[in-house]
Amino acid sequence: MTLHSTALAPDASTPGWSDLADVDLLRTLVETERRRRRLDAAMRAAVAEADRRGLAAGTGYRDTADLLTDLLRISVHEARKRIEYAAPQVRSRSKKVWRVLAAAS
């Protein structure tokens, strides 16, 4: 039984995917998703830290979006999406939680 990683996964246009046993393909799907999530988390953390440090201004860029656009070769829209996604999210308590807290006092 072979466990394929995304680094070693066959290119979609070449033979290989069709040769995988079902169980190996399922494992590849799960492993690829796990790695994608870890990479996404690492990117969010790096973008947030670059923004927090003001790295763009210190390296001659107008803002973090401009830095990401040039450095990562992504669109301005994608850069802004990543910055927004990396920003800490303030979560409000749900109405249900407020009702529970009100009932407890």
C-alpha atoms as a PDB file:
ATOM      1  CA  MET A   1       0.000   0.000   0.000  1.00  0.00           C
ATOM      2  CA  THR A   2       1.418   3.375  -1.020  1.00  0.00           C
ATOM      3  CA  LEU A   3       0.678   6.657   0.710  1.00  0.00           C
ATOM      4  CA  HIS A   4       0.940   9.461  -1.813  1.00  0.00           C
ATOM      5  CA  SER A   5       1.859  12.945  -0.709  1.00  0.00           C
ATOM      6  CA  THR A   6       0.988  16.110  -2.571  1.00  0.00           C
ATOM      7  CA  ALA A   7       4.665  16.523  -3.427  1.00  0.00           C
ATOM      8  CA  LEU A   8       4.785  13.110  -5.054  1.00  0.00           C
ATOM      9  CA  ALA A   9       1.235  12.986  -6.353  1.00  0.00           C
ATOM     10  CA  PRO A  10       0.936  12.199 -10.037  1.00  0.00           C
ATOM     11  CA  ASP A  11       0.151  15.125 -12.278  1.00  0.00           C
ATOM     12  CA  ALA A  12      -3.532  15.148 -13.228  1.00  0.00           C
ATOM     13  CA  SER A  13      -2.685  14.972 -16.921  1.00  0.00           C
ATOM     14  CA  THR A  14      -0.336  11.980 -16.645  1.00  0.00           C
ATOM     15  CA  PRO A  15      -1.140   8.377 -15.862  1.00  0.00           C
ATOM     16  CA  GLY A  16      -1.038   7.579 -12.174  1.00  0.00           C
ATOM     17  CA  TRP A  17      -4.214   8.744 -10.472  1.00  0.00           C
ATOM     18  CA  SER A  18      -6.230   6.052 -12.182  1.00  0.00           C
ATOM     19  CA  ASP A  19      -3.702   3.458 -11.012  1.00  0.00           C
ATOM     20  CA  LEU A  20      -4.258   4.226  -7.330  1.00  0.00           C
ATOM     21  CA  ALA A  21      -6.261   1.758  -5.285  1.00  0.00           C
ATOM     22  CA  ASP A  22      -9.406   3.286  -3.769  1.00  0.00           C
ATOM     23  CA  VAL A  23      -7.980   3.162  -0.251  1.00  0.00           C
ATOM     24  CA  ASP A  24      -4.815   4.939  -1.407  1.00  0.00           C
ATOM     25  CA  LEU A  25      -6.819   7.623  -3.149  1.00  0.00           C
ATOM     26  CA  LEU A  26      -8.904   8.142  -0.007  1.00  0.00           C
ATOM     27  CA  ARG A  27      -5.747   8.424   2.088  1.00  0.00           C
ATOM     28  CA  THR A  28      -4.299  10.879  -0.423  1.00  0.00           C
ATOM     29  CA  LEU A  29      -7.408  13.042  -0.166  1.00  0.00           C
ATOM     30  CA  VAL A  30      -7.230  13.106   3.638  1.00  0.00           C
ATOM     31  CA  GLU A  31      -3.470  13.719   3.761  1.00  0.00           C
ATOM     32  CA  THR A  32      -3.652  16.456   1.133  1.00  0.00           C
ATOM     33  CA  GLU A  33      -6.407  18.242   3.051  1.00  0.00           C
ATOM     34  CA  ARG A  34      -4.450  17.966   6.306  1.00  0.00           C
ATOM     35  CA  ARG A  35      -1.376  19.492   4.662  1.00  0.00           C
ATOM     36  CA  ARG A  36      -3.428  22.205   2.961  1.00  0.00           C
ATOM     37  CA  ARG A  37      -4.888  23.239   6.314  1.00  0.00           C
ATOM     38  CA  ARG A  38      -1.442  23.377   7.919  1.00  0.00           C
ATOM     39  CA  LEU A  39      -0.110  25.461   5.036  1.00  0.00           C
ATOM     40  CA  ASP A  40      -3.132  27.781   5.219  1.00  0.00           C
ATOM     41  CA  ALA A  41      -2.572  28.277   8.949  1.00  0.00           C
ATOM     42  CA  ALA A  42       1.121  28.991   8.376  1.00  0.00           C
ATOM     43  CA  MET A  43       0.294  31.520   5.649  1.00  0.00           C
ATOM     44  CA  ARG A  44      -2.284  33.266   7.861  1.00  0.00           C
ATOM     45  CA  ALA A  45       0.239  33.511  10.695  1.00  0.00           C
ATOM     46  CA  ALA A  46       3.003  34.813   8.413  1.00  0.00           C
ATOM     47  CA  VAL A  47       0.725  37.406   6.792  1.00  0.00           C
ATOM     48  CA  ALA A  48      -0.556  38.568  10.187  1.00  0.00           C
ATOM     49  CA  GLU A  49       3.009  38.906  11.508  1.00  0.00           C
ATOM     50  CA  ALA A  50       4.209  40.769   8.409  1.00  0.00           C
ATOM     51  CA  ASP A  51       1.272  43.153   8.755  1.00  0.00           C
ATOM     52  CA  ARG A  52       1.803  43.577  12.512  1.00  0.00           C
ATOM     53  CA  ARG A  53       5.483  44.393  12.000  1.00  0.00           C
ATOM     54  CA  GLY A  54       4.753  46.892   9.245  1.00  0.00           C
ATOM     55  CA  LEU A  55       7.117  44.918   7.066  1.00  0.00           C
ATOM     56  CA  ALA A  56       5.780  46.545   3.909  1.00  0.00           C
ATOM     57  CA  ALA A  57       6.836  50.063   4.898  1.00  0.00           C
ATOM     58  CA  GLY A  58      10.205  48.820   6.088  1.00  0.00           C
ATOM     59  CA  THR A  59      10.886  47.204   2.723  1.00  0.00           C
ATOM     60  CA  GLY A  60       9.660  50.028   0.494  1.00  0.00           C
ATOM     61  CA  TYR A  61       6.123  48.838  -0.252  1.00  0.00           C
ATOM     62  CA  ARG A  62       3.033  51.020   0.071  1.00  0.00           C
ATOM     63  CA  ASP A  63       1.200  48.495   2.221  1.00  0.00           C
ATOM     64  CA  THR A  64       1.003  44.786   3.041  1.00  0.00           C
ATOM     65  CA  ALA A  65      -1.230  44.107   0.038  1.00  0.00           C
ATOM     66  CA  ASP A  66       1.373  45.662  -2.258  1.00  0.00           C
ATOM     67  CA  LEU A  67       4.110  43.566  -0.619  1.00  0.00           C
ATOM     68  CA  LEU A  68       2.149  40.325  -0.977  1.00  0.00           C
ATOM     69  CA  THR A  69       1.168  41.097  -4.564  1.00  0.00           C
ATOM     70  CA  ASP A  70       4.788  41.568  -5.575  1.00  0.00           C
ATOM     71  CA  LEU A  71       6.403  38.934  -3.361  1.00  0.00           C
ATOM     72  CA  LEU A  72       3.880  36.134  -3.895  1.00  0.00           C
ATOM     73  CA  ARG A  73       2.815  37.086  -7.435  1.00  0.00           C
ATOM     74  CA  ILE A  74      -0.863  37.148  -6.496  1.00  0.00           C
ATOM     75  CA  SER A  75      -3.611  39.613  -7.376  1.00  0.00           C
ATOM     76  CA  VAL A  76      -4.382  42.614  -5.180  1.00  0.00           C
ATOM     77  CA  HIS A  77      -7.776  41.053  -4.501  1.00  0.00           C
ATOM     78  CA  GLU A  78      -6.149  37.816  -3.308  1.00  0.00           C
ATOM     79  CA  ALA A  79      -3.616  39.741  -1.192  1.00  0.00           C
ATOM     80  CA  ARG A  80      -6.374  41.726   0.534  1.00  0.00           C
ATOM     81  CA  LYS A  81      -8.353  38.545   1.108  1.00  0.00           C
ATOM     82  CA  ARG A  82      -5.344  36.952   2.795  1.00  0.00           C
ATOM     83  CA  ILE A  83      -4.754  40.015   4.975  1.00  0.00           C
ATOM     84  CA  GLU A  84      -8.394  40.080   6.023  1.00  0.00           C
ATOM     85  CA  TYR A  85      -8.350  36.341   6.705  1.00  0.00           C
ATOM     86  CA  ALA A  86      -5.159  36.681   8.775  1.00  0.00           C
ATOM     87  CA  ALA A  87      -6.566  39.455  10.963  1.00  0.00           C
ATOM     88  CA  PRO A  88      -7.710  38.352  14.408  1.00  0.00           C
ATOM     89  CA  GLN A  89     -11.436  37.785  14.408  1.00  0.00           C
ATOM     90  CA  VAL A  90     -13.571  39.215  17.183  1.00  0.00           C
ATOM     91  CA  ARG A  91     -16.317  36.759  17.887  1.00  0.00           C
ATOM     92  CA  SER A  92     -19.452  37.907  19.564  1.00  0.00           C
ATOM     93  CA  ARG A  93     -21.210  35.600  21.913  1.00  0.00           C
ATOM     94  CA  SER A  94     -24.254  33.921  20.480  1.00  0.00           C
ATOM     95  CA  LYS A  95     -27.713  34.825  21.715  1.00  0.00           C
ATOM     96  CA  LYS A  96     -27.947  31.402  23.288  1.00  0.00           C
ATOM     97  CA  VAL A  97     -24.814  32.026  25.382  1.00  0.00           C
ATOM     98  CA  TRP A  98     -26.146  35.417  26.490  1.00  0.00           C
ATOM     99  CA  ARG A  99     -29.434  33.809  27.563  1.00  0.00           C
ATOM    100  CA  VAL A 100     -27.557  31.198  29.576  1.00  0.00           C
ATOM    101  CA  LEU A 101     -25.420  33.865  31.234  1.00  0.00           C
ATOM    102  CA  ALA A 102     -28.461  36.025  31.990  1.00  0.00           C
ATOM    103  CA  ALA A 103     -30.318  33.083  33.488  1.00  0.00           C
ATOM    104  CA  ALA A 104     -27.321  32.201  35.669  1.00  0.00           C
ATOM    105  CA  SER A 105     -27.152  35.657  37.270  1.00  0.00           C
END
